C-alpha atoms as a PDB file:
ATOM      1  CA  MET A   1    -127.950  93.571 -42.223  1.00  0.00           C
ATOM      2  CA  VAL A   2    -124.799  93.380 -44.368  1.00  0.00           C
ATOM      3  CA  SER A   3    -126.776  93.338 -47.621  1.00  0.00           C
ATOM      4  CA  ALA A   4    -128.165  96.822 -46.813  1.00  0.00           C
ATOM      5  CA  ILE A   5    -124.660  98.382 -46.842  1.00  0.00           C
ATOM      6  CA  PRO A   6    -123.770 100.093 -50.149  1.00  0.00           C
ATOM      7  CA  THR A   7    -120.823  98.434 -51.887  1.00  0.00           C
ATOM      8  CA  LEU A   8    -118.028  99.676 -54.135  1.00  0.00           C
ATOM      9  CA  SER A   9    -115.988  97.512 -56.484  1.00  0.00           C
ATOM     10  CA  THR A  10    -112.235  97.485 -56.956  1.00  0.00           C
ATOM     11  CA  SER A  11    -109.776  95.458 -59.004  1.00  0.00           C
ATOM     12  CA  ARG A  12    -107.019  95.881 -56.390  1.00  0.00           C
ATOM     13  CA  ALA A  13    -108.368  93.526 -53.731  1.00  0.00           C
ATOM     14  CA  PRO A  14    -106.853  90.035 -53.659  1.00  0.00           C
ATOM     15  CA  ILE A  15    -109.108  87.152 -54.684  1.00  0.00           C
ATOM     16  CA  ASP A  16    -106.780  84.280 -53.794  1.00  0.00           C
ATOM     17  CA  GLU A  17    -106.639  84.319 -49.995  1.00  0.00           C
ATOM     18  CA  THR A  18    -107.219  81.160 -47.996  1.00  0.00           C
ATOM     19  CA  TYR A  19    -109.894  81.027 -45.292  1.00  0.00           C
ATOM     20  CA  GLY A  20    -110.699  77.598 -43.965  1.00  0.00           C
ATOM     21  CA  THR A  21    -110.804  75.253 -46.958  1.00  0.00           C
ATOM     22  CA  THR A  22    -111.434  77.848 -49.670  1.00  0.00           C
ATOM     23  CA  THR A  23    -108.533  79.360 -51.638  1.00  0.00           C
ATOM     24  CA  ASP A  24    -110.454  82.012 -53.597  1.00  0.00           C
ATOM     25  CA  ALA A  25    -111.597  84.297 -50.767  1.00  0.00           C
ATOM     26  CA  SER A  26    -111.390  88.086 -50.449  1.00  0.00           C
ATOM     27  CA  PRO A  27    -111.296  90.299 -47.355  1.00  0.00           C
ATOM     28  CA  MET A  28    -114.186  92.646 -46.566  1.00  0.00           C
ATOM     29  CA  ASP A  29    -113.738  95.991 -44.801  1.00  0.00           C
ATOM     30  CA  ILE A  30    -116.904  97.369 -43.245  1.00  0.00           C
ATOM     31  CA  GLY A  31    -117.220 100.455 -41.121  1.00  0.00           C
ATOM     32  CA  ASP A  32    -117.992 104.125 -40.761  1.00  0.00           C
ATOM     33  CA  PHE A  33    -115.027 105.805 -42.446  1.00  0.00           C
ATOM     34  CA  LYS A  34    -116.069 109.442 -41.896  1.00  0.00           C
ATOM     35  CA  GLN A  35    -113.202 109.987 -39.462  1.00  0.00           C
ATOM     36  CA  LEU A  36    -110.609 107.885 -41.321  1.00  0.00           C
ATOM     37  CA  SER A  37    -107.228 109.387 -42.044  1.00  0.00           C
ATOM     38  CA  ILE A  38    -104.264 107.640 -43.610  1.00  0.00           C
ATOM     39  CA  GLY A  39    -100.726 108.886 -43.124  1.00  0.00           C
ATOM     40  CA  VAL A  40     -97.899 108.015 -45.489  1.00  0.00           C
ATOM     41  CA  ARG A  41     -94.250 108.871 -44.945  1.00  0.00           C
ATOM     42  CA  ILE A  42     -92.609 109.398 -48.290  1.00  0.00           C
ATOM     43  CA  ASN A  43     -88.885 109.478 -48.961  1.00  0.00           C
ATOM     44  CA  LEU A  44     -87.953 110.547 -52.495  1.00  0.00           C
ATOM     45  CA  VAL A  45     -84.364 109.918 -53.597  1.00  0.00           C
ATOM     46  CA  ILE A  46     -83.080 111.281 -56.932  1.00  0.00           C
ATOM     47  CA  GLN A  47     -79.611 110.357 -58.151  1.00  0.00           C
ATOM     48  CA  VAL A  48     -77.734 111.761 -61.137  1.00  0.00           C
ATOM     49  CA  LEU A  49     -76.237 109.129 -63.473  1.00  0.00           C
ATOM     50  CA  ARG A  50     -73.314 111.026 -65.006  1.00  0.00           C
ATOM     51  CA  GLU A  51     -71.015 108.122 -65.846  1.00  0.00           C
ATOM     52  CA  ARG A  52     -73.574 106.132 -67.816  1.00  0.00           C
ATOM     53  CA  TYR A  53     -74.277 108.976 -70.256  1.00  0.00           C
ATOM     54  CA  ALA A  54     -70.897 110.779 -70.281  1.00  0.00           C
ATOM     55  CA  ASP A  55     -69.902 109.540 -73.742  1.00  0.00           C
ATOM     56  CA  THR A  56     -72.941 111.251 -75.335  1.00  0.00           C
ATOM     57  CA  TRP A  57     -72.843 114.439 -73.192  1.00  0.00           C
ATOM     58  CA  GLN A  58     -76.164 113.526 -71.580  1.00  0.00           C
ATOM     59  CA  THR A  59     -77.256 113.273 -67.968  1.00  0.00           C
ATOM     60  CA  GLY A  60     -79.541 110.539 -66.644  1.00  0.00           C
ATOM     61  CA  PHE A  61     -81.587 110.477 -63.462  1.00  0.00           C
ATOM     62  CA  ILE A  62     -82.978 107.687 -61.364  1.00  0.00           C
ATOM     63  CA  ALA A  63     -85.745 108.342 -58.856  1.00  0.00           C
ATOM     64  CA  VAL A  64     -86.878 105.999 -56.098  1.00  0.00           C
ATOM     65  CA  LEU A  65     -89.995 106.675 -54.031  1.00  0.00           C
ATOM     66  CA  MET A  66     -90.116 104.769 -50.745  1.00  0.00           C
ATOM     67  CA  CYS A  67     -93.282 104.746 -48.648  1.00  0.00           C
ATOM     68  CA  ARG A  68     -92.913 103.796 -45.012  1.00  0.00           C
END
């Protein structure tokens, strides 16, 4: 039954999880994902770094993207 399900490959799935006595296992997600929706809350923070670049009359920025 499982072998009839089409599969997709990814390089982002872990291959070093432990299940029972094996240490090279991977999780498997199976389902009907037609109604799947994923929500991500994003908080973008941009700071100006004036002091660091003041001696060369430049302005630096640092940006941090936090997903919650």
